[in-house]
Amino acid sequence: MTLPAALDHFARLAAQSAFVTDFDGTLAQIVNDPAKAAPLPESVTSLRTLAAKLGLVAVVSGRPVEFLHTHIPIDDVVLVGQYGLERWVDGHVEVDSRAARYVDAVAAGAAEAGARWPELMIERKGNVAFTVHWRMAPGAEPHADELAALAAEHGLQTQPGRKACEMRPPVPVDKGTVFQELARPFDERAFAGDDHGDLAAFAQEFGDPDHTAQPFCIAVRSSETPPELLEQAQLIVDGPVGLAALLGDLADAVSSSEQP
C-alpha cells in the first residue's frame, strides 16, 4: 500500500502528529462473542513502533479500558474506554466521576434488559454501561423505540453500534470530545474508525475559528459500516486487515523519515 500524501506528510512530522483509532472493527475483527475479540498482531506491532515515534498514539473505544489494556499492553499508547468514561492511568482504571451516580441505574437497566430480552446477550461493561447484542439472535433485534424507552426509564442514553445498542450515563463525552482533547496539541491528526460512534470524531475541527483544520479520517469498511462514515472519510481501507497494512506502511514511513 502506498501512503496517501497527507499521511506521508503526517509521517515526516512524526513528533507533531497524533494517530487515534477505534478497536472493534478497526484493530480487531468483529466476532459473535465480544469477549473473544482481539487485535490483529501486526497492528499491535505497528502501534508499538508508532507510539515510540509519533507525538501521540491512542485507542479510543466503547470497550472497558481494562479490556483494552489486556490486548494492547503498550505503555506509550493512551487507552480510553467506555466512549471516554474510563482511562488507563498509571496502571489502573480511572473512571469519570460524573458516571458514579448512574451505577445503580445501569445495574437496574441491565437486569431489566435481560428479563425483557432473554434470547439476547446483555454485556455488562464494568458498572458504568451495558450493551444489548443481537448478532447471535437473527430476527430478535429490539425495536429502536423499545431500546430508547428502556434507556429513558433509567435515565440513560443509547449509543448504537453494530447489531448492538449500548446504554450508558448521559455524561457529555464521546469519541469526538476525547479526540479533540487528545489531539488538539498536535499539528497533524488522524482518526480511524468503522461505526456510528466514530462519526463524532470524524466531525471534529481543530485550530482557531479563523483557521480550522479537519483531521485525516480513515474509514475501515465492512458490510455494516454506516454510509455517512464512508462519505466523510479521506481514506477507506477494507476491514482490519486493510488498516493493519496501512499501519505497517505508516510505521515503516515514520521509522525511515528524518525527524525534524
Protein backbone atom coordinates (compact mmCIF):
# COMPACT_ATOMS: atom_id res chain seq x y z
CA MET A 1 0.00 0.00 0.00
CA THR A 2 1.28 3.47 -0.90
CA LEU A 3 0.70 6.09 1.76
CA PRO A 4 -1.63 8.95 0.76
CA ALA A 5 0.15 12.29 0.50
CA ALA A 6 -1.49 13.53 3.70
CA LEU A 7 -0.17 10.59 5.71
CA ASP A 8 3.26 10.87 4.13
CA HIS A 9 3.33 14.44 5.47
CA PHE A 10 1.99 13.07 8.77
CA ALA A 11 4.92 10.63 8.93
CA ARG A 12 7.51 13.30 8.20
CA LEU A 13 6.13 15.46 11.01
CA ALA A 14 6.04 12.49 13.40
CA ALA A 15 6.65 14.35 16.65
CA GLN A 16 3.80 16.76 15.82
CA SER A 17 1.40 14.01 14.74
CA ALA A 18 -1.41 12.24 16.60
CA PHE A 19 -2.92 8.93 15.46
CA VAL A 20 -6.10 7.77 17.20
CA THR A 21 -8.06 4.61 16.40
CA ASP A 22 -11.11 2.66 17.44
CA PHE A 23 -10.78 -1.00 18.50
CA ASP A 24 -13.64 -3.24 17.31
CA GLY A 25 -13.93 -3.45 13.54
CA THR A 26 -10.70 -1.49 13.12
CA LEU A 27 -7.87 -3.14 15.04
CA ALA A 28 -9.95 -6.26 15.72
CA GLN A 29 -12.34 -8.27 13.56
CA ILE A 30 -15.98 -8.25 14.63
CA VAL A 31 -16.84 -11.58 16.27
CA ASN A 32 -20.04 -13.07 17.66
CA ASP A 33 -18.76 -13.17 21.24
CA PRO A 34 -17.36 -9.73 22.19
CA ALA A 35 -15.12 -11.31 24.84
CA LYS A 36 -13.20 -13.16 22.11
CA ALA A 37 -12.28 -10.10 20.06
CA ALA A 38 -8.56 -9.48 19.68
CA PRO A 39 -6.50 -7.03 17.62
CA LEU A 40 -4.54 -8.32 14.66
CA PRO A 41 -0.97 -8.97 15.91
CA GLU A 42 0.57 -6.98 13.05
CA SER A 43 -1.49 -3.94 14.05
CA VAL A 44 -0.25 -4.18 17.64
CA THR A 45 3.34 -4.38 16.37
CA SER A 46 2.83 -1.26 14.24
CA LEU A 47 1.17 0.62 17.11
CA ARG A 48 4.20 -0.14 19.26
CA THR A 49 6.51 1.31 16.60
CA LEU A 50 4.29 4.35 16.04
CA ALA A 51 3.95 5.03 19.77
CA ALA A 52 7.72 5.37 20.00
CA LYS A 53 7.87 7.83 17.10
CA LEU A 54 4.67 9.90 16.98
CA GLY A 55 3.61 12.62 19.34
CA LEU A 56 0.51 10.61 20.31
CA VAL A 57 -0.94 7.19 19.64
CA ALA A 58 -4.28 6.41 21.29
CA VAL A 59 -7.03 3.81 21.22
CA VAL A 60 -10.49 5.25 21.98
CA SER A 61 -13.22 2.65 22.23
CA GLY A 62 -16.55 1.73 23.73
CA ARG A 63 -14.80 -1.19 25.42
CA PRO A 64 -13.93 -1.14 29.12
CA VAL A 65 -10.42 0.27 29.33
CA GLU A 66 -9.12 -2.74 31.27
CA PHE A 67 -10.06 -4.93 28.28
CA LEU A 68 -8.12 -2.58 26.00
CA HIS A 69 -5.05 -2.76 28.23
CA THR A 70 -5.18 -6.56 28.22
CA HIS A 71 -4.94 -6.58 24.42
CA ILE A 72 -2.77 -3.50 23.88
CA PRO A 73 -0.30 -3.50 26.78
CA ILE A 74 1.88 -0.74 25.36
CA ASP A 75 2.91 1.92 27.86
CA ASP A 76 3.15 4.70 25.27
CA VAL A 77 -0.33 4.11 23.83
CA VAL A 78 -3.06 6.17 25.50
CA LEU A 79 -6.12 3.99 26.24
CA VAL A 80 -9.59 5.47 26.66
CA GLY A 81 -12.61 3.22 27.15
CA GLN A 82 -16.38 3.47 27.50
CA TYR A 83 -16.50 6.31 24.96
CA GLY A 84 -14.46 8.49 27.30
CA LEU A 85 -15.79 7.43 30.71
CA GLU A 86 -12.69 5.35 31.54
CA ARG A 87 -8.94 5.84 31.10
CA TRP A 88 -5.91 3.73 31.86
CA VAL A 89 -3.70 5.90 34.07
CA ASP A 90 -0.53 4.74 35.83
CA GLY A 91 -1.56 1.10 35.83
CA HIS A 92 -5.16 1.45 36.95
CA VAL A 93 -8.63 2.34 35.70
CA GLU A 94 -9.71 5.93 36.21
CA VAL A 95 -13.49 6.47 35.90
CA ASP A 96 -15.15 9.80 35.15
CA SER A 97 -16.62 10.89 38.49
CA ARG A 98 -19.79 12.11 36.75
CA ALA A 99 -20.73 8.49 35.95
CA ALA A 100 -20.76 7.40 39.60
CA ARG A 101 -24.35 8.48 40.28
CA TYR A 102 -25.61 6.22 37.48
CA VAL A 103 -24.14 2.94 38.77
CA ASP A 104 -27.45 1.77 40.23
CA ALA A 105 -29.37 2.86 37.14
CA VAL A 106 -27.01 0.89 34.90
CA ALA A 107 -27.39 -2.23 37.04
CA ALA A 108 -31.19 -1.91 37.06
CA GLY A 109 -31.31 -1.28 33.32
CA ALA A 110 -29.11 -4.29 32.58
CA ALA A 111 -31.28 -6.54 34.75
CA GLU A 112 -34.44 -5.34 33.05
CA ALA A 113 -32.90 -5.79 29.60
CA GLY A 114 -32.01 -9.39 30.48
CA ALA A 115 -35.54 -10.09 31.65
CA ARG A 116 -37.14 -8.37 28.68
CA TRP A 117 -34.92 -9.97 26.01
CA PRO A 118 -33.70 -13.30 27.43
CA GLU A 119 -32.63 -14.51 23.97
CA LEU A 120 -30.15 -11.63 23.59
CA MET A 121 -26.67 -11.15 25.03
CA ILE A 122 -26.54 -8.42 27.67
CA GLU A 123 -22.90 -7.43 28.07
CA ARG A 124 -22.03 -5.67 31.32
CA LYS A 125 -19.25 -3.12 30.78
CA GLY A 126 -17.95 -2.60 34.26
CA ASN A 127 -20.53 -0.75 36.33
CA VAL A 128 -20.98 2.27 34.05
CA ALA A 129 -22.61 0.78 30.94
CA PHE A 130 -24.13 -2.29 29.33
CA THR A 131 -24.75 -3.36 25.75
CA VAL A 132 -27.65 -5.27 24.22
CA HIS A 133 -26.34 -7.56 21.43
CA TRP A 134 -28.45 -9.32 18.78
CA ARG A 135 -25.72 -10.53 16.39
CA MET A 136 -26.19 -14.10 17.59
CA ALA A 137 -30.00 -13.85 17.58
CA PRO A 138 -31.06 -13.09 13.98
CA GLY A 139 -34.57 -11.70 13.81
CA ALA A 140 -34.70 -10.84 17.50
CA GLU A 141 -33.49 -7.24 17.18
CA PRO A 142 -35.41 -4.97 19.58
CA HIS A 143 -37.13 -2.01 18.00
CA ALA A 144 -35.21 1.25 18.38
CA ASP A 145 -38.15 2.74 20.28
CA GLU A 146 -38.02 -0.10 22.82
CA LEU A 147 -34.33 0.44 23.40
CA ALA A 148 -34.80 4.20 23.73
CA ALA A 149 -37.68 3.70 26.18
CA LEU A 150 -35.64 1.37 28.40
CA ALA A 151 -32.75 3.83 28.46
CA ALA A 152 -35.06 6.75 29.26
CA GLU A 153 -36.75 4.80 32.06
CA HIS A 154 -33.40 4.52 33.84
CA GLY A 155 -32.04 7.96 32.94
CA LEU A 156 -29.50 6.58 30.49
CA GLN A 157 -28.67 7.32 26.86
CA THR A 158 -28.24 4.98 23.93
CA GLN A 159 -25.23 4.55 21.65
CA PRO A 160 -25.99 2.48 18.54
CA GLY A 161 -23.40 0.01 17.32
CA ARG A 162 -23.03 -2.96 15.01
CA LYS A 163 -26.06 -5.16 15.74
CA ALA A 164 -25.94 -3.79 19.26
CA CYS A 165 -27.01 -0.86 21.38
CA GLU A 166 -25.11 0.42 24.40
CA MET A 167 -26.82 2.13 27.32
CA ARG A 168 -24.68 4.49 29.33
CA PRO A 169 -24.81 7.55 31.61
CA PRO A 170 -25.76 10.83 29.89
CA VAL A 171 -22.34 12.32 30.55
CA PRO A 172 -21.28 14.66 27.71
CA VAL A 173 -18.27 12.68 26.48
CA ASP A 174 -17.87 10.66 23.30
CA LYS A 175 -15.15 9.75 20.82
CA GLY A 176 -15.34 13.25 19.39
CA THR A 177 -14.71 15.06 22.68
CA VAL A 178 -11.90 12.64 23.55
CA PHE A 179 -10.28 13.02 20.13
CA GLN A 180 -10.49 16.80 20.42
CA GLU A 181 -8.86 16.75 23.87
CA LEU A 182 -6.07 14.33 22.98
CA ALA A 183 -5.19 15.56 19.51
CA ARG A 184 -5.59 19.33 19.92
CA PRO A 185 -1.91 19.97 20.89
CA PHE A 186 -0.66 18.39 17.64
CA ASP A 187 -0.33 19.81 14.13
CA GLU A 188 -1.31 16.63 12.28
CA ARG A 189 -4.21 14.43 13.37
CA ALA A 190 -5.71 11.19 12.07
CA PHE A 191 -8.57 9.01 13.28
CA ALA A 192 -9.53 5.50 12.14
CA GLY A 193 -12.98 4.05 12.78
CA ASP A 194 -15.74 1.90 11.38
CA ASP A 195 -19.02 2.57 13.19
CA HIS A 196 -21.63 5.13 14.28
CA GLY A 197 -19.70 6.07 17.41
CA ASP A 198 -16.76 7.19 15.27
CA LEU A 199 -18.79 9.83 13.43
CA ALA A 200 -18.29 12.24 16.34
CA ALA A 201 -14.52 12.01 15.86
CA PHE A 202 -14.79 12.44 12.09
CA ALA A 203 -16.77 15.65 12.66
CA GLN A 204 -14.12 17.36 14.79
CA GLU A 205 -12.36 20.54 13.70
CA PHE A 206 -9.12 21.85 15.16
CA GLY A 207 -7.33 25.18 15.23
CA ASP A 208 -8.90 28.57 15.86
CA PRO A 209 -12.21 29.82 14.41
CA ASP A 210 -10.46 31.57 11.52
CA HIS A 211 -8.14 28.69 10.60
CA THR A 212 -9.91 25.41 11.26
CA ALA A 213 -8.37 22.15 10.13
CA GLN A 214 -10.06 18.82 9.52
CA PRO A 215 -8.42 15.64 10.79
CA PHE A 216 -7.44 12.93 8.32
CA CYS A 217 -10.31 10.45 8.66
CA ILE A 218 -9.84 6.78 7.82
CA ALA A 219 -12.94 4.61 7.41
CA VAL A 220 -12.47 0.89 7.95
CA ARG A 221 -15.04 -0.59 5.61
CA SER A 222 -17.30 -3.59 6.11
CA SER A 223 -20.81 -4.51 5.01
CA GLU A 224 -22.07 -2.85 8.23
CA THR A 225 -20.17 0.44 8.04
CA PRO A 226 -22.54 3.44 8.11
CA PRO A 227 -22.64 5.11 4.65
CA GLU A 228 -22.11 8.54 6.23
CA LEU A 229 -18.79 7.38 7.69
CA LEU A 230 -17.59 6.36 4.24
CA GLU A 231 -18.78 9.67 2.79
CA GLN A 232 -16.81 11.69 5.33
CA ALA A 233 -13.57 9.71 5.08
CA GLN A 234 -10.44 10.91 3.30
CA LEU A 235 -9.30 7.29 3.01
CA ILE A 236 -11.18 3.97 3.02
CA VAL A 237 -9.49 0.65 3.82
CA ASP A 238 -11.09 -2.78 3.73
CA GLY A 239 -11.54 -4.15 7.23
CA PRO A 240 -8.98 -4.59 10.00
CA VAL A 241 -6.66 -6.32 7.53
CA GLY A 242 -6.64 -3.18 5.39
CA LEU A 243 -5.96 -0.99 8.42
CA ALA A 244 -3.16 -3.32 9.53
CA ALA A 245 -1.50 -2.87 6.13
CA LEU A 246 -1.86 0.91 6.38
CA LEU A 247 -0.44 0.96 9.92
CA GLY A 248 2.50 -1.14 8.75
CA ASP A 249 3.24 1.27 5.91
CA LEU A 250 2.89 4.24 8.24
CA ALA A 251 5.22 2.65 10.78
CA ASP A 252 7.80 2.00 8.04
CA ALA A 253 7.48 5.58 6.79
CA VAL A 254 7.83 7.05 10.27
CA SER A 255 10.86 4.87 11.02
CA SER A 256 12.63 5.87 7.83
CA SER A 257 11.81 9.58 7.96
CA GLU A 258 14.28 12.08 9.32
CA GLN A 259 12.87 13.60 12.45
CA PRO A 260 12.58 17.40 12.46
